C-alpha atoms as a PDB file:
ATOM      1  CA  MET A   1      -0.017  -0.019  -0.014  1.00  0.00           C
ATOM      2  CA  ALA A   2       2.815   2.438   0.944  1.00  0.00           C
ATOM      3  CA  LYS A   3       4.540   1.738  -2.352  1.00  0.00           C
ATOM      4  CA  MET A   4       1.373   2.416  -4.363  1.00  0.00           C
ATOM      5  CA  GLN A   5       0.921   5.650  -2.578  1.00  0.00           C
ATOM      6  CA  GLU A   6       4.482   6.619  -3.277  1.00  0.00           C
ATOM      7  CA  ILE A   7       3.936   5.904  -6.959  1.00  0.00           C
ATOM      8  CA  ARG A   8       0.776   8.077  -6.954  1.00  0.00           C
ATOM      9  CA  LEU A   9       2.728  11.018  -5.284  1.00  0.00           C
ATOM     10  CA  MET A  10       5.194  10.804  -8.203  1.00  0.00           C
ATOM     11  CA  GLN A  11       2.634  10.931 -10.884  1.00  0.00           C
ATOM     12  CA  GLN A  12       1.765  14.172 -12.644  1.00  0.00           C
ATOM     13  CA  GLN A  13      -1.792  15.566 -13.078  1.00  0.00           C
ATOM     14  CA  GLU A  14      -3.366  18.920 -13.001  1.00  0.00           C
ATOM     15  CA  HIS A  15      -5.607  19.547 -10.024  1.00  0.00           C
ATOM     16  CA  TRP A  16      -9.267  19.004 -10.713  1.00  0.00           C
ATOM     17  CA  ALA A  17     -10.016  22.729 -10.114  1.00  0.00           C
ATOM     18  CA  LYS A  18      -7.535  23.754 -12.858  1.00  0.00           C
ATOM     19  CA  GLN A  19      -8.460  21.205 -15.447  1.00  0.00           C
ATOM     20  CA  GLN A  20     -10.197  22.628 -18.518  1.00  0.00           C
ATOM     21  CA  GLU A  21     -13.802  21.566 -17.992  1.00  0.00           C
ATOM     22  CA  SER A  22     -14.735  24.759 -19.687  1.00  0.00           C
ATOM     23  CA  GLY A  23     -15.991  22.700 -22.624  1.00  0.00           C
ATOM     24  CA  SER A  24     -18.529  20.995 -20.419  1.00  0.00           C
ATOM     25  CA  TYR A  25     -19.727  24.171 -18.789  1.00  0.00           C
ATOM     26  CA  SER A  26     -19.800  25.979 -22.181  1.00  0.00           C
ATOM     27  CA  GLY A  27     -22.018  23.251 -23.373  1.00  0.00           C
ATOM     28  CA  ILE A  28     -24.193  23.457 -20.307  1.00  0.00           C
ATOM     29  CA  ARG A  29     -24.505  27.237 -20.708  1.00  0.00           C
ATOM     30  CA  PHE A  30     -25.746  26.674 -24.204  1.00  0.00           C
ATOM     31  CA  LEU A  31     -28.202  24.177 -23.002  1.00  0.00           C
ATOM     32  CA  LEU A  32     -29.449  26.465 -20.287  1.00  0.00           C
ATOM     33  CA  PHE A  33     -29.966  29.229 -22.913  1.00  0.00           C
ATOM     34  CA  CYS A  34     -31.990  26.740 -25.021  1.00  0.00           C
ATOM     35  CA  TYR A  35     -33.925  25.670 -21.904  1.00  0.00           C
ATOM     36  CA  ARG A  36     -34.886  29.297 -21.131  1.00  0.00           C
ATOM     37  CA  ILE A  37     -36.191  30.014 -24.573  1.00  0.00           C
ATOM     38  CA  GLY A  38     -37.625  26.636 -25.626  1.00  0.00           C
ATOM     39  CA  GLY A  39     -38.015  24.456 -22.580  1.00  0.00           C
ATOM     40  CA  LYS A  40     -37.304  20.750 -22.452  1.00  0.00           C
ATOM     41  CA  PHE A  41     -38.597  20.191 -25.926  1.00  0.00           C
ATOM     42  CA  LEU A  42     -35.732  22.262 -27.527  1.00  0.00           C
ATOM     43  CA  ILE A  43     -33.227  20.759 -25.086  1.00  0.00           C
ATOM     44  CA  LEU A  44     -34.033  17.268 -26.257  1.00  0.00           C
ATOM     45  CA  LEU A  45     -33.362  18.399 -29.886  1.00  0.00           C
ATOM     46  CA  VAL A  46     -30.011  20.032 -29.211  1.00  0.00           C
ATOM     47  CA  LEU A  47     -28.708  17.823 -26.432  1.00  0.00           C
ATOM     48  CA  ALA A  48     -27.449  14.817 -28.540  1.00  0.00           C
ATOM     49  CA  PRO A  49     -25.201  16.618 -31.025  1.00  0.00           C
ATOM     50  CA  VAL A  50     -23.766  18.943 -28.394  1.00  0.00           C
ATOM     51  CA  LEU A  51     -22.867  16.083 -26.110  1.00  0.00           C
ATOM     52  CA  TRP A  52     -21.566  13.865 -28.886  1.00  0.00           C
ATOM     53  CA  TYR A  53     -19.286  16.776 -29.911  1.00  0.00           C
ATOM     54  CA  PHE A  54     -18.076  17.005 -26.305  1.00  0.00           C
ATOM     55  CA  VAL A  55     -17.465  13.312 -26.030  1.00  0.00           C
ATOM     56  CA  CYS A  56     -15.404  13.300 -29.270  1.00  0.00           C
ATOM     57  CA  SER A  57     -13.463  16.545 -28.624  1.00  0.00           C
ATOM     58  CA  ASN A  58     -12.660  16.370 -24.901  1.00  0.00           C
ATOM     59  CA  SER A  59     -10.327  13.305 -24.601  1.00  0.00           C
ATOM     60  CA  ARG A  60      -9.373  13.966 -21.008  1.00  0.00           C
ATOM     61  CA  ALA A  61     -13.011  14.017 -19.800  1.00  0.00           C
ATOM     62  CA  ARG A  62     -13.916  11.078 -21.965  1.00  0.00           C
ATOM     63  CA  GLN A  63     -11.026   9.006 -20.712  1.00  0.00           C
ATOM     64  CA  SER A  64     -11.831   9.896 -17.149  1.00  0.00           C
ATOM     65  CA  SER A  65     -15.413   8.896 -17.658  1.00  0.00           C
ATOM     66  CA  LEU A  66     -14.520   5.583 -19.266  1.00  0.00           C
ATOM     67  CA  LYS A  67     -11.926   4.763 -16.582  1.00  0.00           C
ATOM     68  CA  PHE A  68     -14.607   5.123 -13.895  1.00  0.00           C
ATOM     69  CA  LEU A  69     -17.305   3.300 -15.826  1.00  0.00           C
ATOM     70  CA  GLN A  70     -14.812   0.431 -16.618  1.00  0.00           C
ATOM     71  CA  LYS A  71     -13.982   0.139 -12.935  1.00  0.00           C
ATOM     72  CA  VAL A  72     -17.675  -0.152 -12.143  1.00  0.00           C
ATOM     73  CA  HIS A  73     -18.069  -2.802 -14.851  1.00  0.00           C
ATOM     74  CA  GLN A  74     -15.140  -4.837 -13.487  1.00  0.00           C
ATOM     75  CA  GLN A  75     -16.411  -4.565  -9.855  1.00  0.00           C
ATOM     76  CA  LEU A  76     -19.942  -5.702 -10.645  1.00  0.00           C
ATOM     77  CA  GLY A  77     -19.033  -8.430 -13.128  1.00  0.00           C
ATOM     78  CA  ALA A  78     -22.186 -10.232 -14.264  1.00  0.00           C
ATOM     79  CA  ALA A  79     -24.311  -7.721 -12.374  1.00  0.00           C
ATOM     80  CA  SER A  80     -22.855  -4.781 -14.337  1.00  0.00           C
ATOM     81  CA  PRO A  81     -25.477  -2.572 -16.054  1.00  0.00           C
ATOM     82  CA  PHE A  82     -23.134  -2.518 -19.107  1.00  0.00           C
ATOM     83  CA  GLN A  83     -23.333  -5.492 -21.335  1.00  0.00           C
ATOM     84  CA  SER A  84     -19.758  -4.994 -22.502  1.00  0.00           C
ATOM     85  CA  THR A  85     -16.773  -2.844 -21.592  1.00  0.00           C
ATOM     86  CA  PRO A  86     -17.934   0.679 -21.575  1.00  0.00           C
ATOM     87  CA  GLY A  87     -17.055   2.813 -24.631  1.00  0.00           C
ATOM     88  CA  TYR A  88     -18.139   5.962 -26.398  1.00  0.00           C
ATOM     89  CA  GLN A  89     -21.858   5.188 -26.065  1.00  0.00           C
ATOM     90  CA  GLN A  90     -21.594   4.871 -22.311  1.00  0.00           C
ATOM     91  CA  ALA A  91     -19.454   8.051 -22.146  1.00  0.00           C
ATOM     92  CA  TYR A  92     -22.144   9.836 -24.032  1.00  0.00           C
ATOM     93  CA  LEU A  93     -24.856   8.629 -21.598  1.00  0.00           C
ATOM     94  CA  HIS A  94     -22.601   9.692 -18.734  1.00  0.00           C
ATOM     95  CA  PHE A  95     -22.298  13.238 -19.980  1.00  0.00           C
ATOM     96  CA  ARG A  96     -26.001  13.296 -20.873  1.00  0.00           C
ATOM     97  CA  SER A  97     -26.872  12.439 -17.229  1.00  0.00           C
ATOM     98  CA  PHE A  98     -24.623  15.309 -16.119  1.00  0.00           C
ATOM     99  CA  ALA A  99     -26.469  17.772 -18.416  1.00  0.00           C
ATOM    100  CA  LEU A 100     -29.901  16.564 -17.274  1.00  0.00           C
ATOM    101  CA  GLU A 101     -28.975  16.982 -13.625  1.00  0.00           C
ATOM    102  CA  ALA A 102     -27.729  20.501 -14.317  1.00  0.00           C
ATOM    103  CA  LEU A 103     -31.231  21.343 -15.707  1.00  0.00           C
ATOM    104  CA  ALA A 104     -32.919  19.553 -12.799  1.00  0.00           C
ATOM    105  CA  LYS A 105     -31.153  22.100 -10.511  1.00  0.00           C
ATOM    106  CA  ILE A 106     -33.026  24.837 -12.310  1.00  0.00           C
ATOM    107  CA  ASP A 107     -36.355  22.982 -12.060  1.00  0.00           C
ATOM    108  CA  GLY A 108     -35.766  22.641  -8.356  1.00  0.00           C
ATOM    109  CA  TRP A 109     -35.150  26.333  -7.848  1.00  0.00           C
ATOM    110  CA  LEU A 110     -38.176  27.274  -9.956  1.00  0.00           C
ATOM    111  CA  GLY A 111     -40.423  24.920  -8.036  1.00  0.00           C
ATOM    112  CA  ARG A 112     -41.032  22.695 -11.121  1.00  0.00           C
ATOM    113  CA  ILE A 113     -40.250  19.493  -9.270  1.00  0.00           C
ATOM    114  CA  PRO A 114     -43.171  18.408  -7.094  1.00  0.00           C
ATOM    115  CA  ALA A 115     -42.394  17.795  -3.466  1.00  0.00           C
ATOM    116  CA  ASP A 116     -43.550  14.102  -3.706  1.00  0.00           C
ATOM    117  CA  HIS A 117     -40.898  13.566  -6.439  1.00  0.00           C
ATOM    118  CA  ILE A 118     -38.236  13.857  -3.869  1.00  0.00           C
ATOM    119  CA  GLN A 119     -38.654  10.998  -1.362  1.00  0.00           C
ATOM    120  CA  GLN A 120     -36.666  10.310   1.746  1.00  0.00           C
ATOM    121  CA  GLN A 121     -35.612   6.794   2.568  1.00  0.00           C
ATOM    122  CA  GLY A 122     -33.718   5.209   5.406  1.00  0.00           C
ATOM    123  CA  GLN A 123     -33.920   5.524   9.125  1.00  0.00           C
ATOM    124  CA  VAL A 124     -32.574   9.136   9.305  1.00  0.00           C
ATOM    125  CA  GLN A 125     -35.195  11.712   8.264  1.00  0.00           C
ATOM    126  CA  PHE A 126     -34.255  15.376   7.718  1.00  0.00           C
ATOM    127  CA  ALA A 127     -37.499  16.522   9.453  1.00  0.00           C
ATOM    128  CA  ASP A 128     -36.364  14.663  12.559  1.00  0.00           C
ATOM    129  CA  LEU A 129     -32.913  16.302  12.473  1.00  0.00           C
ATOM    130  CA  VAL A 130     -34.540  19.773  12.291  1.00  0.00           C
ATOM    131  CA  ALA A 131     -36.984  18.939  15.095  1.00  0.00           C
ATOM    132  CA  GLY A 132     -34.000  17.750  17.197  1.00  0.00           C
ATOM    133  CA  GLY A 133     -32.950  21.486  17.441  1.00  0.00           C
ATOM    134  CA  LYS A 134     -29.268  20.692  16.788  1.00  0.00           C
ATOM    135  CA  GLY A 135     -27.625  21.613  13.435  1.00  0.00           C
ATOM    136  CA  GLY A 136     -24.908  19.645  11.764  1.00  0.00           C
ATOM    137  CA  ILE A 137     -22.904  18.740   8.742  1.00  0.00           C
ATOM    138  CA  LEU A 138     -24.284  16.993   5.692  1.00  0.00           C
ATOM    139  CA  MET A 139     -21.322  15.316   3.913  1.00  0.00           C
ATOM    140  CA  GLY A 140     -22.064  14.981   0.295  1.00  0.00           C
ATOM    141  CA  SER A 141     -20.269  14.289  -2.964  1.00  0.00           C
ATOM    142  CA  HIS A 142     -20.243  14.872  -6.700  1.00  0.00           C
ATOM    143  CA  LEU A 143     -22.489  11.832  -7.009  1.00  0.00           C
ATOM    144  CA  GLY A 144     -26.193  12.601  -7.592  1.00  0.00           C
ATOM    145  CA  ASN A 145     -27.729  16.057  -7.144  1.00  0.00           C
ATOM    146  CA  LEU A 146     -27.030  17.908  -3.939  1.00  0.00           C
ATOM    147  CA  GLU A 147     -28.189  21.173  -5.371  1.00  0.00           C
ATOM    148  CA  LEU A 148     -31.651  19.716  -5.688  1.00  0.00           C
ATOM    149  CA  CYS A 149     -31.609  18.931  -1.957  1.00  0.00           C
ATOM    150  CA  ARG A 150     -30.857  22.525  -1.075  1.00  0.00           C
ATOM    151  CA  ALA A 151     -33.616  23.801  -3.437  1.00  0.00           C
ATOM    152  CA  MET A 152     -36.024  21.271  -2.031  1.00  0.00           C
ATOM    153  CA  SER A 153     -35.438  22.482   1.517  1.00  0.00           C
ATOM    154  CA  ALA A 154     -36.054  26.150   0.759  1.00  0.00           C
ATOM    155  CA  GLY A 155     -39.223  27.300   2.559  1.00  0.00           C
ATOM    156  CA  LYS A 156     -40.110  23.651   3.589  1.00  0.00           C
ATOM    157  CA  TYR A 157     -38.209  23.370   6.938  1.00  0.00           C
ATOM    158  CA  HIS A 158     -37.567  25.909   9.731  1.00  0.00           C
ATOM    159  CA  THR A 159     -33.834  25.938   9.014  1.00  0.00           C
ATOM    160  CA  ARG A 160     -31.298  26.918   6.476  1.00  0.00           C
ATOM    161  CA  ILE A 161     -28.814  24.882   4.510  1.00  0.00           C
ATOM    162  CA  HIS A 162     -25.474  26.448   3.644  1.00  0.00           C
ATOM    163  CA  VAL A 163     -23.272  24.866   0.988  1.00  0.00           C
ATOM    164  CA  LEU A 164     -19.549  25.279   0.887  1.00  0.00           C
ATOM    165  CA  VAL A 165     -18.215  25.154  -2.691  1.00  0.00           C
ATOM    166  CA  PHE A 166     -15.343  26.106  -4.867  1.00  0.00           C
ATOM    167  CA  THR A 167     -17.512  28.229  -7.129  1.00  0.00           C
ATOM    168  CA  ARG A 168     -14.755  29.610  -9.363  1.00  0.00           C
ATOM    169  CA  HIS A 169     -14.614  26.256 -11.016  1.00  0.00           C
ATOM    170  CA  ALA A 170     -18.286  26.463 -11.995  1.00  0.00           C
ATOM    171  CA  ALA A 171     -18.545  30.251 -12.460  1.00  0.00           C
ATOM    172  CA  ALA A 172     -20.178  30.004 -15.901  1.00  0.00           C
ATOM    173  CA  PHE A 173     -22.738  27.522 -14.693  1.00  0.00           C
ATOM    174  CA  ASN A 174     -23.615  29.522 -11.543  1.00  0.00           C
ATOM    175  CA  LYS A 175     -23.933  32.712 -13.635  1.00  0.00           C
ATOM    176  CA  ALA A 176     -26.435  31.012 -15.994  1.00  0.00           C
ATOM    177  CA  LEU A 177     -28.283  29.575 -12.968  1.00  0.00           C
ATOM    178  CA  ARG A 178     -28.502  32.994 -11.299  1.00  0.00           C
ATOM    179  CA  GLN A 179     -30.068  34.419 -14.477  1.00  0.00           C
ATOM    180  CA  THR A 180     -32.808  31.916 -14.065  1.00  0.00           C
ATOM    181  CA  ASN A 181     -33.250  32.529 -10.305  1.00  0.00           C
ATOM    182  CA  PRO A 182     -31.438  35.628  -8.737  1.00  0.00           C
ATOM    183  CA  GLN A 183     -31.560  33.995  -5.287  1.00  0.00           C
ATOM    184  CA  VAL A 184     -29.791  30.831  -6.258  1.00  0.00           C
ATOM    185  CA  GLU A 185     -26.592  31.637  -4.309  1.00  0.00           C
ATOM    186  CA  VAL A 186     -28.129  33.085  -1.204  1.00  0.00           C
ATOM    187  CA  ASN A 187     -26.750  30.297   0.979  1.00  0.00           C
ATOM    188  CA  LEU A 188     -23.906  29.182  -1.262  1.00  0.00           C
ATOM    189  CA  ILE A 189     -20.545  29.988   0.363  1.00  0.00           C
ATOM    190  CA  GLN A 190     -17.474  30.239  -1.911  1.00  0.00           C
ATOM    191  CA  VAL A 191     -14.354  29.138  -0.179  1.00  0.00           C
ATOM    192  CA  ASP A 192     -10.702  28.687  -1.133  1.00  0.00           C
ATOM    193  CA  SER A 193      -9.676  27.721   2.357  1.00  0.00           C
ATOM    194  CA  ILE A 194     -11.104  27.406   5.847  1.00  0.00           C
ATOM    195  CA  ASN A 195     -10.057  30.346   8.118  1.00  0.00           C
ATOM    196  CA  PRO A 196     -10.964  31.165  11.688  1.00  0.00           C
ATOM    197  CA  VAL A 197     -13.601  33.788  10.693  1.00  0.00           C
ATOM    198  CA  LEU A 198     -15.394  31.295   8.476  1.00  0.00           C
ATOM    199  CA  VAL A 199     -15.209  28.612  11.203  1.00  0.00           C
ATOM    200  CA  MET A 200     -16.792  31.037  13.796  1.00  0.00           C
ATOM    201  CA  GLN A 201     -19.584  31.767  11.292  1.00  0.00           C
ATOM    202  CA  LEU A 202     -20.221  28.120  10.559  1.00  0.00           C
ATOM    203  CA  LYS A 203     -20.199  27.287  14.262  1.00  0.00           C
ATOM    204  CA  GLU A 204     -22.860  30.094  14.836  1.00  0.00           C
ATOM    205  CA  TRP A 205     -25.041  28.582  12.104  1.00  0.00           C
ATOM    206  CA  VAL A 206     -24.848  25.097  13.516  1.00  0.00           C
ATOM    207  CA  GLU A 207     -25.704  26.374  16.985  1.00  0.00           C
ATOM    208  CA  GLN A 208     -28.781  27.983  15.398  1.00  0.00           C
ATOM    209  CA  ASN A 209     -29.982  24.616  14.200  1.00  0.00           C
ATOM    210  CA  GLU A 210     -28.748  25.195  10.595  1.00  0.00           C
ATOM    211  CA  PHE A 211     -26.897  22.739   8.445  1.00  0.00           C
ATOM    212  CA  ILE A 212     -23.621  22.925   6.500  1.00  0.00           C
ATOM    213  CA  VAL A 213     -23.138  20.893   3.316  1.00  0.00           C
ATOM    214  CA  ILE A 214     -19.607  19.843   2.436  1.00  0.00           C
ATOM    215  CA  VAL A 215     -18.428  17.528  -0.273  1.00  0.00           C
ATOM    216  CA  GLY A 216     -15.826  15.043   0.768  1.00  0.00           C
ATOM    217  CA  ASP A 217     -14.869  13.424  -2.517  1.00  0.00           C
ATOM    218  CA  ARG A 218     -12.413  16.042  -3.887  1.00  0.00           C
ATOM    219  CA  ILE A 219      -9.057  16.916  -2.491  1.00  0.00           C
ATOM    220  CA  SER A 220      -8.265  20.464  -1.328  1.00  0.00           C
ATOM    221  CA  VAL A 221      -7.747  23.265  -3.882  1.00  0.00           C
ATOM    222  CA  THR A 222      -5.079  25.033  -1.901  1.00  0.00           C
ATOM    223  CA  ALA A 223      -3.483  22.023  -0.078  1.00  0.00           C
ATOM    224  CA  PRO A 224      -3.947  18.882  -2.221  1.00  0.00           C
ATOM    225  CA  GLU A 225      -1.310  17.041  -0.168  1.00  0.00           C
ATOM    226  CA  ARG A 226      -3.613  17.095   2.883  1.00  0.00           C
ATOM    227  CA  MET A 227      -5.373  13.801   2.094  1.00  0.00           C
ATOM    228  CA  VAL A 228      -5.293  10.098   2.869  1.00  0.00           C
ATOM    229  CA  PHE A 229      -5.841   7.168   0.580  1.00  0.00           C
ATOM    230  CA  ALA A 230      -8.909   4.907   0.915  1.00  0.00           C
ATOM    231  CA  PRO A 231     -10.043   1.902  -1.130  1.00  0.00           C
ATOM    232  CA  PHE A 232     -12.467   2.943  -3.921  1.00  0.00           C
ATOM    233  CA  LEU A 233     -13.567   0.677  -6.703  1.00  0.00           C
ATOM    234  CA  GLY A 234     -10.596  -1.666  -6.270  1.00  0.00           C
ATOM    235  CA  GLU A 235      -7.850   0.954  -6.151  1.00  0.00           C
ATOM    236  CA  PRO A 236      -6.705   3.419  -3.459  1.00  0.00           C
ATOM    237  CA  ALA A 237      -7.979   6.940  -4.105  1.00  0.00           C
ATOM    238  CA  PRO A 238      -7.046  10.234  -2.384  1.00  0.00           C
ATOM    239  CA  PHE A 239      -9.689  11.846  -0.143  1.00  0.00           C
ATOM    240  CA  ALA A 240      -9.327  15.227   1.572  1.00  0.00           C
ATOM    241  CA  ILE A 241      -8.947  15.376   5.341  1.00  0.00           C
ATOM    242  CA  GLY A 242     -10.272  18.996   5.445  1.00  0.00           C
ATOM    243  CA  PRO A 243     -13.944  18.218   5.701  1.00  0.00           C
ATOM    244  CA  TRP A 244     -13.303  15.888   8.635  1.00  0.00           C
ATOM    245  CA  VAL A 245     -11.076  18.266  10.460  1.00  0.00           C
ATOM    246  CA  LEU A 246     -13.691  21.008  10.076  1.00  0.00           C
ATOM    247  CA  ALA A 247     -16.309  18.614  11.387  1.00  0.00           C
ATOM    248  CA  SER A 248     -14.248  17.950  14.504  1.00  0.00           C
ATOM    249  CA  VAL A 249     -13.819  21.717  15.104  1.00  0.00           C
ATOM    250  CA  LEU A 250     -17.550  22.387  14.821  1.00  0.00           C
ATOM    251  CA  GLU A 251     -18.283  19.592  17.330  1.00  0.00           C
ATOM    252  CA  CYS A 252     -21.632  18.736  15.685  1.00  0.00           C
ATOM    253  CA  PRO A 253     -23.357  15.667  14.261  1.00  0.00           C
ATOM    254  CA  VAL A 254     -22.269  14.452  10.805  1.00  0.00           C
ATOM    255  CA  TYR A 255     -24.400  12.710   8.245  1.00  0.00           C
ATOM    256  CA  LEU A 256     -23.677  11.387   4.771  1.00  0.00           C
ATOM    257  CA  MET A 257     -26.160  12.643   2.233  1.00  0.00           C
ATOM    258  CA  PHE A 258     -27.084  11.249  -1.218  1.00  0.00           C
ATOM    259  CA  CYS A 259     -29.783  12.445  -3.554  1.00  0.00           C
ATOM    260  CA  MET A 260     -30.094  10.044  -6.503  1.00  0.00           C
ATOM    261  CA  ARG A 261     -32.322  10.080  -9.513  1.00  0.00           C
ATOM    262  CA  GLU A 262     -34.778   7.125  -9.896  1.00  0.00           C
ATOM    263  CA  GLY A 263     -36.660   7.607 -13.109  1.00  0.00           C
ATOM    264  CA  ASP A 264     -38.428  10.964 -12.873  1.00  0.00           C
ATOM    265  CA  ARG A 265     -38.079  10.992  -9.058  1.00  0.00           C
ATOM    266  CA  TYR A 266     -35.299  11.372  -6.523  1.00  0.00           C
ATOM    267  CA  GLN A 267     -34.316   9.270  -3.492  1.00  0.00           C
ATOM    268  CA  LEU A 268     -32.810  11.347  -0.581  1.00  0.00           C
ATOM    269  CA  THR A 269     -30.806   9.209   1.923  1.00  0.00           C
ATOM    270  CA  LEU A 270     -29.135  10.317   5.096  1.00  0.00           C
ATOM    271  CA  GLU A 271     -26.787   8.093   7.048  1.00  0.00           C
ATOM    272  CA  GLU A 272     -25.404   8.979  10.469  1.00  0.00           C
ATOM    273  CA  VAL A 273     -21.654   9.038  10.710  1.00  0.00           C
ATOM    274  CA  ALA A 274     -21.104  10.272  14.288  1.00  0.00           C
ATOM    275  CA  ASP A 275     -22.769  12.558  16.827  1.00  0.00           C
ATOM    276  CA  GLN A 276     -19.364  14.300  16.878  1.00  0.00           C
ATOM    277  CA  VAL A 277     -16.161  13.690  14.938  1.00  0.00           C
ATOM    278  CA  VAL A 278     -13.348  13.157  17.427  1.00  0.00           C
ATOM    279  CA  LEU A 279      -9.683  13.359  16.343  1.00  0.00           C
ATOM    280  CA  PRO A 280      -7.574  12.621  19.388  1.00  0.00           C
ATOM    281  CA  ARG A 281      -4.072  14.110  19.177  1.00  0.00           C
ATOM    282  CA  LYS A 282      -2.365  10.755  19.891  1.00  0.00           C
ATOM    283  CA  ASN A 283      -4.309   8.733  17.273  1.00  0.00           C
ATOM    284  CA  ARG A 284      -5.428  11.564  14.847  1.00  0.00           C
ATOM    285  CA  GLN A 285      -4.207   9.875  11.685  1.00  0.00           C
ATOM    286  CA  GLN A 286      -5.853   6.543  12.535  1.00  0.00           C
ATOM    287  CA  ALA A 287      -9.102   8.324  13.367  1.00  0.00           C
ATOM    288  CA  LEU A 288      -9.070  10.327  10.111  1.00  0.00           C
ATOM    289  CA  GLU A 289      -8.498   7.184   8.090  1.00  0.00           C
ATOM    290  CA  GLY A 290     -11.383   5.468   9.865  1.00  0.00           C
ATOM    291  CA  TYR A 291     -13.874   8.255   9.008  1.00  0.00           C
ATOM    292  CA  ILE A 292     -12.656   8.599   5.406  1.00  0.00           C
ATOM    293  CA  ARG A 293     -12.813   4.815   4.848  1.00  0.00           C
ATOM    294  CA  GLN A 294     -16.320   4.822   6.112  1.00  0.00           C
ATOM    295  CA  TYR A 295     -17.237   7.667   3.720  1.00  0.00           C
ATOM    296  CA  ALA A 296     -15.408   6.037   0.774  1.00  0.00           C
ATOM    297  CA  SER A 297     -17.215   2.751   1.362  1.00  0.00           C
ATOM    298  CA  ALA A 298     -20.625   4.399   1.332  1.00  0.00           C
ATOM    299  CA  LEU A 299     -19.679   6.436  -1.733  1.00  0.00           C
ATOM    300  CA  GLU A 300     -18.568   3.269  -3.548  1.00  0.00           C
ATOM    301  CA  GLN A 301     -21.845   1.557  -2.798  1.00  0.00           C
ATOM    302  CA  TYR A 302     -23.885   4.309  -4.243  1.00  0.00           C
ATOM    303  CA  ALA A 303     -21.524   4.793  -7.190  1.00  0.00           C
ATOM    304  CA  LEU A 304     -21.958   1.115  -8.165  1.00  0.00           C
ATOM    305  CA  ARG A 305     -25.754   1.527  -7.927  1.00  0.00           C
ATOM    306  CA  TYR A 306     -25.870   4.812  -9.915  1.00  0.00           C
ATOM    307  CA  PRO A 307     -22.678   4.926 -12.054  1.00  0.00           C
ATOM    308  CA  LEU A 308     -24.041   7.432 -14.586  1.00  0.00           C
ATOM    309  CA  GLN A 309     -24.663   9.976 -11.788  1.00  0.00           C
ATOM    310  CA  TRP A 310     -20.969  10.143 -10.932  1.00  0.00           C
ATOM    311  CA  PHE A 311     -19.804  13.675 -11.894  1.00  0.00           C
ATOM    312  CA  ASN A 312     -16.113  13.707 -11.249  1.00  0.00           C
ATOM    313  CA  PHE A 313     -14.743  14.048 -14.793  1.00  0.00           C
ATOM    314  CA  TYR A 314     -11.085  13.723 -13.962  1.00  0.00           C
ATOM    315  CA  ASP A 315      -8.745  10.888 -12.945  1.00  0.00           C
ATOM    316  CA  PHE A 316     -10.149  10.283  -9.485  1.00  0.00           C
ATOM    317  CA  TRP A 317      -7.296   7.916  -8.412  1.00  0.00           C
ATOM    318  CA  GLN A 318      -4.371  10.068  -9.404  1.00  0.00           C
ATOM    319  CA  LEU A 319      -2.864  12.987  -7.435  1.00  0.00           C
ATOM    320  CA  PRO A 320      -2.320  16.308  -8.998  1.00  0.00           C
ATOM    321  CA  ALA A 321       1.177  17.599  -9.728  1.00  0.00           C
ATOM    322  CA  ALA A 322       0.734  20.158  -6.939  1.00  0.00           C
ATOM    323  CA  ALA A 323       0.805  17.405  -4.366  1.00  0.00           C
ATOM    324  CA  ASN A 324       4.171  16.059  -5.552  1.00  0.00           C
ATOM    325  CA  ASN A 325       7.203  16.636  -3.379  1.00  0.00           C
ATOM    326  CA  LYS A 326       4.919  17.401  -0.391  1.00  0.00           C
ATOM    327  CA  ASP A 327       4.215  15.142   2.635  1.00  0.00           C
ATOM    328  CA  PRO A 328       0.592  13.908   2.849  1.00  0.00           C
ATOM    329  CA  GLN A 329      -1.385  15.248   5.763  1.00  0.00           C
END
């Protein structure tokens, strides 16, 4: 394991935040424009050629998509949803799923998705968390549609949900989304790094029975070396420690959150991680690895069930060049 990690540290890759996904977002902006002037009917007409062009022209995103889908295929074996090794057709369906979920975000903010189309399952119910009077962290990912969860909660519960995101990466998309609904970023917090002022604000929100959404599947923008490896689809992958360190500082409950499309409906699932993330000084590294392994295991289970709803279009298992020559953690 140590040798494999050393090899990954030596490999070169641009950080996910610096990779040129502008093609995908340019395509999404075009689709959003068509959506505003012609609705879904026009979208269905223009979606196929736009996405096929993207599949053929963006080799890095295509290869990243195929690497992920092929790992899913290998892990599931005879139970794989793909009849053969994923190729261009499956990559196209993957990007199409991404585009449709981008449009679903707009539907959510415009109130076009009926409340009964988002169903909660599992033992942990969000209404119960709100009624408990204690805020917390909802640990999400780029699997499924977290934006829809936030839109769904607006005006429905006596609480607020704040989302920490690296918005510069999706500036074009957010701008197009704001044109559809000017309030779309009211509770969206752009962060490059966690500082004491932000921590104090987050702690205040949690104490006011509000919730913080953090994604745990992408390594830090400013400190990519602060990560640990955890098994994911048969190969160690780097996961950021920042979300878990922040959770320990906020001293609040932590839940995993997944919102997955099922046909024309969505299934929202919350899973309790801990009433409080504890990172003892003596065993800090071991504790971090435990929480991250738990997260990675749950993420893998949902990724295997919903592979086309995985929206990390970069080599998930390879460290960026910025992490080279730096010590992990």
